[in-house]
Every structure is written in C-alpha cells, then in structure tokens.
Amino acid sequence: MSEEDFGSNDDQPTKRHYFANPLKGKSSQESAGTFSAQEMPITSGQATSSRSVRLHLTHIDPWSAAKSAFMLGVTIAGVLLVAVIVLWGALSAAGVFEAVSGLWNDAAGSDGASVSFLSLGRLIGLTMVISAIEIVLLSVLSALYAVLYNLSVGFTGGREWTLTDRSQ
C-alpha cells in the first residue's frame, strides 16, 4: 500500500458510508469516527477557559447495535430470571401458593391430588421463553433502528450534542 491509500481526506477507508457526510466541508476539525466534532468559537460572554465542542452522530453500525442490544437483552433476561426466583421464593414462604391451590380446588370441587400450576419449574420455563423472545426482538429492532437512523441522517444531518467545559 502506498501513502496515497492512507490519505487524510478519507474519513473511514474501511467502513461503508450509506450517505455522504452531511457535515463535510463545514469544518476542518472533524474526527475520523462516526462522531464528528467541531470546536465552537468562544463568544465575548464566555470565560477564556471554557471550551465547547459540538458532536454529530452521523452513522450507527447496525451489527454493533445488534450486538449491544443482544448483550443488554441477555442482562435483562438474567435480572428477570433472578427476580422471578426471588419473588417465587418469597411468595412460597408466605404460603400464597398453597392458599391459591386450595381456593382452586374448592372452586373446582375436587378433593383429590392437584397439580400446582404455579410451580417453580413452570414459572422458570415461562420466564425463559419470554426472555428468549425479548432478546430476539430487542436485537432485531435495534439493528432495524440503526438502519433507519442511517437512512434519515441524509435528511436530518444526524443527532447533535454540545459539550462545554465550565472550569472556573
């Protein structure tokens, strides 16, 4: 590879751009990442030690968004599973399930052995099914959101944040 392959005018030679950078040509201080930064001029009302930086989110990688959402979904599923186990343990120790089973048997009119429909195994299985659905939906919808965001950046210019340093 030659020096020309690593030119300074190419933002990200290894990444695909769906649209041209809407901020191209506005500032020479743009960063090479998906955030583009511009330092704002200091106005007369600001102290000389305060600085402002304007950040623009111009691209979200759908694969990275899906991976992050998958990890978030797995974490939420783990928290949900622990919460169900703790809640079931507390309700079981309080005798709630025996009271509900007794009420169910009285209403059904059977005096024989009953099957507990609120057993720990059934609730953990139901929680795992709901968690699996949640993980898949969260991952797919976050990747879809990233693609739609990338499509809309061409029209809107992306999301903008202004960060200021207020050191005194």
N, C-alpha and C. Protein backbone atom coordinates (compact mmCIF):
# COMPACT_ATOMS: atom_id res chain seq x y z
N MET A 1 0.83 -1.17 0.00
CA MET A 1 0.00 0.00 0.00
C MET A 1 0.88 1.24 0.00
N SER A 2 0.46 2.25 -0.68
CA SER A 2 1.23 3.48 -0.78
C SER A 2 0.72 4.50 0.22
N GLU A 3 1.40 5.63 0.27
CA GLU A 3 0.99 6.71 1.15
C GLU A 3 -0.35 7.28 0.73
N GLU A 4 -0.67 7.18 -0.55
CA GLU A 4 -1.93 7.72 -1.04
C GLU A 4 -3.13 6.93 -0.53
N ASP A 5 -2.92 5.64 -0.17
CA ASP A 5 -4.01 4.83 0.37
C ASP A 5 -4.44 5.30 1.75
N PHE A 6 -3.56 5.97 2.45
CA PHE A 6 -3.85 6.45 3.80
C PHE A 6 -3.99 7.96 3.81
N GLY A 7 -4.69 8.48 2.84
CA GLY A 7 -4.83 9.92 2.70
C GLY A 7 -5.62 10.52 3.84
N SER A 8 -5.35 11.77 4.15
CA SER A 8 -6.03 12.43 5.27
C SER A 8 -7.44 12.87 4.90
N ASN A 9 -7.78 12.89 3.62
CA ASN A 9 -9.11 13.34 3.24
C ASN A 9 -10.15 12.23 3.32
N ASP A 10 -9.75 11.00 3.54
CA ASP A 10 -10.68 9.88 3.64
C ASP A 10 -11.03 9.66 5.09
N ASP A 11 -12.32 9.82 5.45
CA ASP A 11 -12.73 9.68 6.85
C ASP A 11 -12.48 8.28 7.37
N GLN A 12 -13.09 7.30 6.77
CA GLN A 12 -13.00 5.91 7.23
C GLN A 12 -12.85 5.01 6.01
N PRO A 13 -11.62 4.68 5.61
CA PRO A 13 -11.47 3.89 4.40
C PRO A 13 -11.97 2.46 4.55
N THR A 14 -12.11 1.97 5.78
CA THR A 14 -12.54 0.59 5.97
C THR A 14 -14.03 0.46 6.21
N LYS A 15 -14.73 1.56 6.41
CA LYS A 15 -16.16 1.50 6.70
C LYS A 15 -16.96 1.96 5.51
N ARG A 16 -18.12 1.38 5.35
CA ARG A 16 -19.03 1.73 4.29
C ARG A 16 -19.88 2.92 4.71
N HIS A 17 -20.03 3.88 3.85
CA HIS A 17 -20.90 5.02 4.14
C HIS A 17 -22.15 4.89 3.30
N TYR A 18 -23.31 4.97 3.94
CA TYR A 18 -24.56 4.89 3.22
C TYR A 18 -24.87 6.22 2.54
N PHE A 19 -24.45 7.30 3.17
CA PHE A 19 -24.64 8.62 2.61
C PHE A 19 -23.35 9.40 2.80
N ALA A 20 -23.19 10.42 2.03
CA ALA A 20 -22.04 11.29 2.24
C ALA A 20 -22.23 12.03 3.55
N ASN A 21 -21.14 12.38 4.19
CA ASN A 21 -21.19 13.07 5.46
C ASN A 21 -21.85 14.43 5.26
N PRO A 22 -22.98 14.71 5.93
CA PRO A 22 -23.66 15.99 5.72
C PRO A 22 -22.86 17.17 6.26
N LEU A 23 -21.86 16.91 7.09
CA LEU A 23 -21.07 17.98 7.68
C LEU A 23 -19.79 18.23 6.91
N LYS A 24 -19.57 17.51 5.83
CA LYS A 24 -18.35 17.63 5.05
C LYS A 24 -18.23 19.05 4.51
N GLY A 25 -17.10 19.64 4.71
CA GLY A 25 -16.86 20.97 4.20
C GLY A 25 -17.23 22.07 5.16
N LYS A 26 -17.92 21.76 6.26
CA LYS A 26 -18.28 22.79 7.22
C LYS A 26 -17.14 23.10 8.17
N SER A 27 -16.31 22.10 8.48
CA SER A 27 -15.22 22.31 9.41
C SER A 27 -14.06 21.42 9.04
N SER A 28 -12.87 21.90 9.29
CA SER A 28 -11.68 21.09 9.02
C SER A 28 -11.28 20.28 10.23
N GLN A 29 -12.01 20.38 11.35
CA GLN A 29 -11.64 19.70 12.57
C GLN A 29 -12.51 18.48 12.84
N GLU A 30 -13.00 17.82 11.83
CA GLU A 30 -13.85 16.66 12.02
C GLU A 30 -13.01 15.47 12.43
N SER A 31 -13.57 14.64 13.30
CA SER A 31 -12.85 13.46 13.73
C SER A 31 -13.05 12.34 12.72
N ALA A 32 -12.28 11.26 12.88
CA ALA A 32 -12.33 10.18 11.91
C ALA A 32 -13.40 9.15 12.24
N GLY A 33 -14.05 9.24 13.41
CA GLY A 33 -15.04 8.24 13.81
C GLY A 33 -16.41 8.57 13.29
N THR A 34 -17.41 7.92 13.88
CA THR A 34 -18.77 8.19 13.47
C THR A 34 -19.29 9.47 14.10
N PHE A 35 -18.61 9.97 15.13
CA PHE A 35 -18.92 11.27 15.68
C PHE A 35 -18.03 12.28 14.97
N SER A 36 -18.59 13.37 14.58
CA SER A 36 -17.76 14.43 14.03
C SER A 36 -17.80 15.59 15.02
N ALA A 37 -16.66 16.13 15.31
CA ALA A 37 -16.57 17.16 16.34
C ALA A 37 -16.15 18.48 15.72
N GLN A 38 -16.71 19.56 16.25
CA GLN A 38 -16.33 20.90 15.85
C GLN A 38 -16.18 21.72 17.11
N GLU A 39 -15.10 22.48 17.20
CA GLU A 39 -14.97 23.39 18.32
C GLU A 39 -15.71 24.66 17.98
N MET A 40 -16.49 25.13 18.92
CA MET A 40 -17.27 26.33 18.69
C MET A 40 -16.44 27.54 19.10
N PRO A 41 -16.61 28.66 18.42
CA PRO A 41 -15.86 29.85 18.81
C PRO A 41 -16.34 30.37 20.16
N ILE A 42 -15.42 30.96 20.88
CA ILE A 42 -15.73 31.49 22.20
C ILE A 42 -16.34 32.88 22.00
N THR A 43 -17.53 33.07 22.60
CA THR A 43 -18.18 34.37 22.48
C THR A 43 -17.65 35.30 23.56
N SER A 44 -18.02 36.54 23.48
CA SER A 44 -17.48 37.53 24.41
C SER A 44 -18.01 37.32 25.83
N GLY A 45 -19.15 36.69 25.99
CA GLY A 45 -19.71 36.45 27.32
C GLY A 45 -19.11 35.26 28.03
N GLN A 46 -18.37 34.42 27.33
CA GLN A 46 -17.81 33.23 27.95
C GLN A 46 -16.41 33.55 28.47
N ALA A 47 -16.03 32.82 29.52
CA ALA A 47 -14.67 32.96 30.03
C ALA A 47 -13.70 32.34 29.04
N THR A 48 -12.47 32.78 29.08
CA THR A 48 -11.48 32.29 28.12
C THR A 48 -11.10 30.84 28.39
N SER A 49 -11.38 30.32 29.59
CA SER A 49 -11.01 28.94 29.90
C SER A 49 -12.09 27.93 29.53
N SER A 50 -13.28 28.38 29.18
CA SER A 50 -14.33 27.44 28.83
C SER A 50 -14.24 27.11 27.34
N ARG A 51 -14.47 25.84 27.04
CA ARG A 51 -14.43 25.37 25.66
C ARG A 51 -15.74 24.67 25.35
N SER A 52 -16.12 24.69 24.10
CA SER A 52 -17.32 24.00 23.66
C SER A 52 -16.96 23.11 22.48
N VAL A 53 -17.55 21.94 22.46
CA VAL A 53 -17.35 21.02 21.35
C VAL A 53 -18.73 20.56 20.89
N ARG A 54 -18.95 20.60 19.61
CA ARG A 54 -20.21 20.15 19.03
C ARG A 54 -19.99 18.78 18.38
N LEU A 55 -20.75 17.78 18.82
CA LEU A 55 -20.63 16.42 18.29
C LEU A 55 -21.85 16.08 17.45
N HIS A 56 -21.61 15.42 16.31
CA HIS A 56 -22.70 14.98 15.43
C HIS A 56 -22.59 13.47 15.26
N LEU A 57 -23.66 12.76 15.57
CA LEU A 57 -23.71 11.32 15.32
C LEU A 57 -24.20 11.12 13.90
N THR A 58 -23.30 10.65 13.02
CA THR A 58 -23.65 10.57 11.60
C THR A 58 -23.82 9.15 11.11
N HIS A 59 -23.49 8.14 11.91
CA HIS A 59 -23.62 6.75 11.44
C HIS A 59 -23.67 5.82 12.65
N ILE A 60 -24.58 4.86 12.62
CA ILE A 60 -24.65 3.80 13.62
C ILE A 60 -24.48 2.49 12.88
N ASP A 61 -23.51 1.71 13.28
CA ASP A 61 -23.28 0.42 12.64
C ASP A 61 -24.37 -0.56 13.09
N PRO A 62 -25.18 -1.10 12.18
CA PRO A 62 -26.28 -2.00 12.59
C PRO A 62 -25.79 -3.25 13.31
N TRP A 63 -24.66 -3.81 12.89
CA TRP A 63 -24.16 -5.02 13.54
C TRP A 63 -23.73 -4.72 14.98
N SER A 64 -23.09 -3.59 15.20
CA SER A 64 -22.70 -3.21 16.56
C SER A 64 -23.93 -2.93 17.42
N ALA A 65 -24.94 -2.31 16.84
CA ALA A 65 -26.17 -2.05 17.59
C ALA A 65 -26.86 -3.36 17.97
N ALA A 66 -26.86 -4.33 17.04
CA ALA A 66 -27.48 -5.62 17.34
C ALA A 66 -26.71 -6.38 18.42
N LYS A 67 -25.37 -6.32 18.36
CA LYS A 67 -24.56 -7.00 19.38
C LYS A 67 -24.76 -6.37 20.75
N SER A 68 -24.79 -5.05 20.79
CA SER A 68 -25.01 -4.36 22.07
C SER A 68 -26.40 -4.65 22.62
N ALA A 69 -27.39 -4.67 21.75
CA ALA A 69 -28.75 -4.96 22.19
C ALA A 69 -28.88 -6.41 22.65
N PHE A 70 -28.15 -7.32 22.00
CA PHE A 70 -28.17 -8.72 22.43
C PHE A 70 -27.62 -8.84 23.84
N MET A 71 -26.50 -8.16 24.10
CA MET A 71 -25.92 -8.23 25.45
C MET A 71 -26.84 -7.58 26.48
N LEU A 72 -27.48 -6.48 26.11
CA LEU A 72 -28.45 -5.86 27.01
C LEU A 72 -29.63 -6.80 27.26
N GLY A 73 -30.09 -7.49 26.21
CA GLY A 73 -31.20 -8.44 26.37
C GLY A 73 -30.84 -9.61 27.26
N VAL A 74 -29.62 -10.12 27.12
CA VAL A 74 -29.18 -11.22 27.99
C VAL A 74 -29.11 -10.75 29.44
N THR A 75 -28.64 -9.54 29.65
CA THR A 75 -28.59 -9.00 31.01
C THR A 75 -29.98 -8.83 31.59
N ILE A 76 -30.90 -8.30 30.81
CA ILE A 76 -32.29 -8.13 31.27
C ILE A 76 -32.91 -9.49 31.56
N ALA A 77 -32.62 -10.48 30.72
CA ALA A 77 -33.15 -11.83 30.94
C ALA A 77 -32.62 -12.42 32.24
N GLY A 78 -31.35 -12.20 32.53
CA GLY A 78 -30.78 -12.69 33.79
C GLY A 78 -31.41 -12.02 34.99
N VAL A 79 -31.61 -10.72 34.91
CA VAL A 79 -32.25 -10.00 36.01
C VAL A 79 -33.69 -10.46 36.19
N LEU A 80 -34.39 -10.68 35.08
CA LEU A 80 -35.77 -11.15 35.15
C LEU A 80 -35.85 -12.55 35.78
N LEU A 81 -34.93 -13.41 35.40
CA LEU A 81 -34.91 -14.77 35.95
C LEU A 81 -34.65 -14.75 37.46
N VAL A 82 -33.69 -13.96 37.89
CA VAL A 82 -33.40 -13.86 39.33
C VAL A 82 -34.58 -13.26 40.07
N ALA A 83 -35.23 -12.24 39.47
CA ALA A 83 -36.38 -11.62 40.12
C ALA A 83 -37.54 -12.60 40.27
N VAL A 84 -37.77 -13.44 39.26
CA VAL A 84 -38.85 -14.42 39.34
C VAL A 84 -38.55 -15.45 40.43
N ILE A 85 -37.30 -15.90 40.51
CA ILE A 85 -36.94 -16.90 41.53
C ILE A 85 -37.09 -16.31 42.93
N VAL A 86 -36.61 -15.08 43.13
CA VAL A 86 -36.72 -14.45 44.45
C VAL A 86 -38.18 -14.19 44.81
N LEU A 87 -38.95 -13.69 43.87
CA LEU A 87 -40.37 -13.43 44.13
C LEU A 87 -41.12 -14.72 44.42
N TRP A 88 -40.83 -15.79 43.65
CA TRP A 88 -41.50 -17.06 43.89
C TRP A 88 -41.12 -17.60 45.27
N GLY A 89 -39.85 -17.47 45.65
CA GLY A 89 -39.42 -17.93 46.98
C GLY A 89 -40.11 -17.19 48.10
N ALA A 90 -40.26 -15.87 47.95
CA ALA A 90 -40.93 -15.08 48.98
C ALA A 90 -42.41 -15.43 49.07
N LEU A 91 -43.07 -15.60 47.92
CA LEU A 91 -44.50 -15.95 47.94
C LEU A 91 -44.72 -17.37 48.44
N SER A 92 -43.80 -18.27 48.11
CA SER A 92 -43.92 -19.64 48.60
C SER A 92 -43.72 -19.71 50.11
N ALA A 93 -42.77 -18.94 50.62
CA ALA A 93 -42.54 -18.93 52.07
C ALA A 93 -43.73 -18.30 52.81
N ALA A 94 -44.43 -17.39 52.18
CA ALA A 94 -45.59 -16.77 52.80
C ALA A 94 -46.83 -17.65 52.71
N GLY A 95 -46.79 -18.72 51.92
CA GLY A 95 -47.92 -19.64 51.82
C GLY A 95 -48.98 -19.20 50.83
N VAL A 96 -48.65 -18.35 49.93
CA VAL A 96 -49.61 -17.83 48.96
C VAL A 96 -50.04 -18.93 47.99
N PHE A 97 -49.07 -19.74 47.52
CA PHE A 97 -49.40 -20.75 46.51
C PHE A 97 -50.30 -21.85 47.07
N GLU A 98 -50.12 -22.21 48.33
CA GLU A 98 -51.00 -23.21 48.94
C GLU A 98 -52.41 -22.67 49.07
N ALA A 99 -52.53 -21.38 49.40
CA ALA A 99 -53.85 -20.77 49.53
C ALA A 99 -54.54 -20.69 48.17
N VAL A 100 -53.79 -20.35 47.13
CA VAL A 100 -54.37 -20.27 45.79
C VAL A 100 -54.77 -21.66 45.30
N SER A 101 -53.93 -22.68 45.57
CA SER A 101 -54.27 -24.05 45.17
C SER A 101 -55.49 -24.56 45.91
N GLY A 102 -55.59 -24.22 47.20
CA GLY A 102 -56.77 -24.60 47.97
C GLY A 102 -58.03 -23.93 47.46
N LEU A 103 -57.92 -22.66 47.11
CA LEU A 103 -59.06 -21.94 46.55
C LEU A 103 -59.47 -22.53 45.20
N TRP A 104 -58.48 -22.91 44.38
CA TRP A 104 -58.75 -23.51 43.07
C TRP A 104 -59.46 -24.86 43.24
N ASN A 105 -58.98 -25.67 44.19
CA ASN A 105 -59.60 -26.98 44.44
C ASN A 105 -61.02 -26.84 44.98
N ASP A 106 -61.24 -25.84 45.84
CA ASP A 106 -62.59 -25.62 46.35
C ASP A 106 -63.54 -25.17 45.25
N ALA A 107 -63.05 -24.34 44.34
CA ALA A 107 -63.90 -23.85 43.26
C ALA A 107 -64.18 -24.95 42.24
N ALA A 108 -63.19 -25.83 42.02
CA ALA A 108 -63.37 -26.91 41.05
C ALA A 108 -64.15 -28.07 41.64
N GLY A 109 -64.19 -28.17 42.94
CA GLY A 109 -64.95 -29.23 43.59
C GLY A 109 -64.22 -30.55 43.64
N SER A 110 -62.93 -30.57 43.47
CA SER A 110 -62.19 -31.84 43.55
C SER A 110 -61.43 -31.89 44.86
N ASP A 111 -61.47 -33.06 45.48
CA ASP A 111 -60.76 -33.25 46.74
C ASP A 111 -59.49 -34.06 46.55
N GLY A 112 -59.22 -34.52 45.34
CA GLY A 112 -58.05 -35.35 45.06
C GLY A 112 -56.78 -34.52 44.99
N ALA A 113 -55.73 -35.21 44.54
CA ALA A 113 -54.43 -34.55 44.39
C ALA A 113 -54.49 -33.54 43.25
N SER A 114 -53.95 -32.39 43.51
CA SER A 114 -53.99 -31.34 42.49
C SER A 114 -52.58 -31.09 41.96
N VAL A 115 -52.54 -30.64 40.73
CA VAL A 115 -51.27 -30.27 40.12
C VAL A 115 -51.11 -28.77 40.29
N SER A 116 -49.98 -28.37 40.85
CA SER A 116 -49.75 -26.95 41.06
C SER A 116 -49.37 -26.30 39.74
N PHE A 117 -50.19 -25.39 39.28
CA PHE A 117 -49.89 -24.70 38.04
C PHE A 117 -48.93 -23.53 38.28
N LEU A 118 -48.61 -23.25 39.53
CA LEU A 118 -47.66 -22.19 39.86
C LEU A 118 -46.36 -22.77 40.41
N SER A 119 -45.91 -23.87 39.84
CA SER A 119 -44.66 -24.47 40.32
C SER A 119 -43.47 -23.66 39.83
N LEU A 120 -42.35 -23.81 40.52
CA LEU A 120 -41.15 -23.06 40.17
C LEU A 120 -40.64 -23.44 38.78
N GLY A 121 -40.71 -24.71 38.44
CA GLY A 121 -40.26 -25.15 37.12
C GLY A 121 -41.04 -24.54 35.98
N ARG A 122 -42.34 -24.46 36.14
CA ARG A 122 -43.18 -23.85 35.09
C ARG A 122 -42.91 -22.36 34.96
N LEU A 123 -42.76 -21.69 36.09
CA LEU A 123 -42.51 -20.25 36.02
C LEU A 123 -41.13 -19.94 35.43
N ILE A 124 -40.12 -20.75 35.75
CA ILE A 124 -38.80 -20.53 35.17
C ILE A 124 -38.85 -20.80 33.67
N GLY A 125 -39.55 -21.85 33.26
CA GLY A 125 -39.70 -22.13 31.83
C GLY A 125 -40.39 -21.01 31.09
N LEU A 126 -41.48 -20.48 31.67
CA LEU A 126 -42.20 -19.37 31.07
C LEU A 126 -41.32 -18.12 31.01
N THR A 127 -40.55 -17.89 32.06
CA THR A 127 -39.64 -16.74 32.08
C THR A 127 -38.57 -16.88 31.01
N MET A 128 -38.05 -18.08 30.80
CA MET A 128 -37.02 -18.28 29.78
C MET A 128 -37.58 -18.10 28.38
N VAL A 129 -38.81 -18.53 28.14
CA VAL A 129 -39.43 -18.34 26.83
C VAL A 129 -39.65 -16.85 26.56
N ILE A 130 -40.17 -16.14 27.56
CA ILE A 130 -40.38 -14.70 27.41
C ILE A 130 -39.05 -13.98 27.22
N SER A 131 -38.02 -14.41 27.94
CA SER A 131 -36.70 -13.80 27.80
C SER A 131 -36.10 -14.04 26.42
N ALA A 132 -36.28 -15.24 25.88
CA ALA A 132 -35.76 -15.54 24.54
C ALA A 132 -36.44 -14.66 23.49
N ILE A 133 -37.76 -14.50 23.61
CA ILE A 133 -38.49 -13.64 22.69
C ILE A 133 -38.01 -12.19 22.83
N GLU A 134 -37.79 -11.76 24.06
CA GLU A 134 -37.33 -10.40 24.31
C GLU A 134 -35.94 -10.16 23.73
N ILE A 135 -35.04 -11.12 23.85
CA ILE A 135 -33.69 -10.98 23.31
C ILE A 135 -33.72 -10.86 21.79
N VAL A 136 -34.49 -11.72 21.14
CA VAL A 136 -34.57 -11.69 19.67
C VAL A 136 -35.19 -10.38 19.20
N LEU A 137 -36.30 -9.97 19.80
CA LEU A 137 -36.96 -8.73 19.38
C LEU A 137 -36.08 -7.51 19.61
N LEU A 138 -35.40 -7.47 20.75
CA LEU A 138 -34.54 -6.33 21.05
C LEU A 138 -33.38 -6.24 20.07
N SER A 139 -32.78 -7.37 19.73
CA SER A 139 -31.65 -7.37 18.79
C SER A 139 -32.10 -6.96 17.38
N VAL A 140 -33.18 -7.54 16.91
CA VAL A 140 -33.66 -7.24 15.56
C VAL A 140 -34.13 -5.79 15.45
N LEU A 141 -34.89 -5.34 16.44
CA LEU A 141 -35.41 -3.97 16.37
C LEU A 141 -34.31 -2.92 16.51
N SER A 142 -33.26 -3.22 17.27
CA SER A 142 -32.17 -2.24 17.38
C SER A 142 -31.39 -2.15 16.08
N ALA A 143 -31.17 -3.28 15.41
CA ALA A 143 -30.50 -3.24 14.10
C ALA A 143 -31.36 -2.50 13.08
N LEU A 144 -32.67 -2.73 13.11
CA LEU A 144 -33.58 -2.03 12.21
C LEU A 144 -33.58 -0.53 12.50
N TYR A 145 -33.56 -0.17 13.78
CA TYR A 145 -33.50 1.24 14.14
C TYR A 145 -32.20 1.88 13.64
N ALA A 146 -31.08 1.16 13.74
CA ALA A 146 -29.81 1.69 13.27
C ALA A 146 -29.85 1.94 11.76
N VAL A 147 -30.43 1.01 11.02
CA VAL A 147 -30.54 1.19 9.56
C VAL A 147 -31.44 2.38 9.24
N LEU A 148 -32.57 2.50 9.92
CA LEU A 148 -33.47 3.63 9.68
C LEU A 148 -32.83 4.95 10.08
N TYR A 149 -32.06 4.94 11.16
CA TYR A 149 -31.35 6.15 11.57
C TYR A 149 -30.33 6.55 10.50
N ASN A 150 -29.58 5.57 9.98
CA ASN A 150 -28.59 5.85 8.95
C ASN A 150 -29.25 6.40 7.68
N LEU A 151 -30.45 5.92 7.37
CA LEU A 151 -31.17 6.45 6.21
C LEU A 151 -31.65 7.87 6.45
N SER A 152 -32.02 8.18 7.69
CA SER A 152 -32.55 9.52 7.98
C SER A 152 -31.46 10.56 8.16
N VAL A 153 -30.22 10.15 8.39
CA VAL A 153 -29.14 11.11 8.58
C VAL A 153 -28.93 11.97 7.34
N GLY A 154 -29.17 11.41 6.17
CA GLY A 154 -29.04 12.19 4.95
C GLY A 154 -30.00 13.35 4.89
N PHE A 155 -31.15 13.23 5.54
CA PHE A 155 -32.15 14.29 5.54
C PHE A 155 -32.01 15.23 6.73
N THR A 156 -31.67 14.67 7.89
CA THR A 156 -31.67 15.46 9.13
C THR A 156 -30.30 15.95 9.55
N GLY A 157 -29.24 15.33 9.07
CA GLY A 157 -27.90 15.72 9.49
C GLY A 157 -27.43 15.00 10.73
N GLY A 158 -28.25 14.17 11.33
CA GLY A 158 -27.85 13.40 12.50
C GLY A 158 -28.20 14.08 13.80
N ARG A 159 -27.82 13.44 14.88
CA ARG A 159 -28.07 13.94 16.23
C ARG A 159 -26.89 14.81 16.63
N GLU A 160 -27.16 15.93 17.27
CA GLU A 160 -26.11 16.87 17.65
C GLU A 160 -26.10 17.08 19.16
N TRP A 161 -24.91 17.05 19.75
CA TRP A 161 -24.71 17.35 21.16
C TRP A 161 -23.69 18.46 21.26
N THR A 162 -23.87 19.34 22.23
CA THR A 162 -22.88 20.37 22.50
C THR A 162 -22.37 20.15 23.90
N LEU A 163 -21.07 19.93 24.02
CA LEU A 163 -20.42 19.71 25.30
C LEU A 163 -19.60 20.93 25.63
N THR A 164 -19.74 21.42 26.86
CA THR A 164 -18.98 22.60 27.28
C THR A 164 -18.18 22.27 28.52
N ASP A 165 -17.05 22.92 28.62
CA ASP A 165 -16.18 22.78 29.79
C ASP A 165 -16.34 24.03 30.62
N ARG A 166 -16.92 23.88 31.79
CA ARG A 166 -17.20 25.05 32.64
C ARG A 166 -16.23 25.09 33.82
N SER A 167 -14.97 24.96 33.56
CA SER A 167 -13.99 25.03 34.64
C SER A 167 -13.82 26.48 35.07
N GLN A 168 -13.69 26.69 36.38
CA GLN A 168 -13.63 28.04 36.89
C GLN A 168 -12.36 28.28 37.63
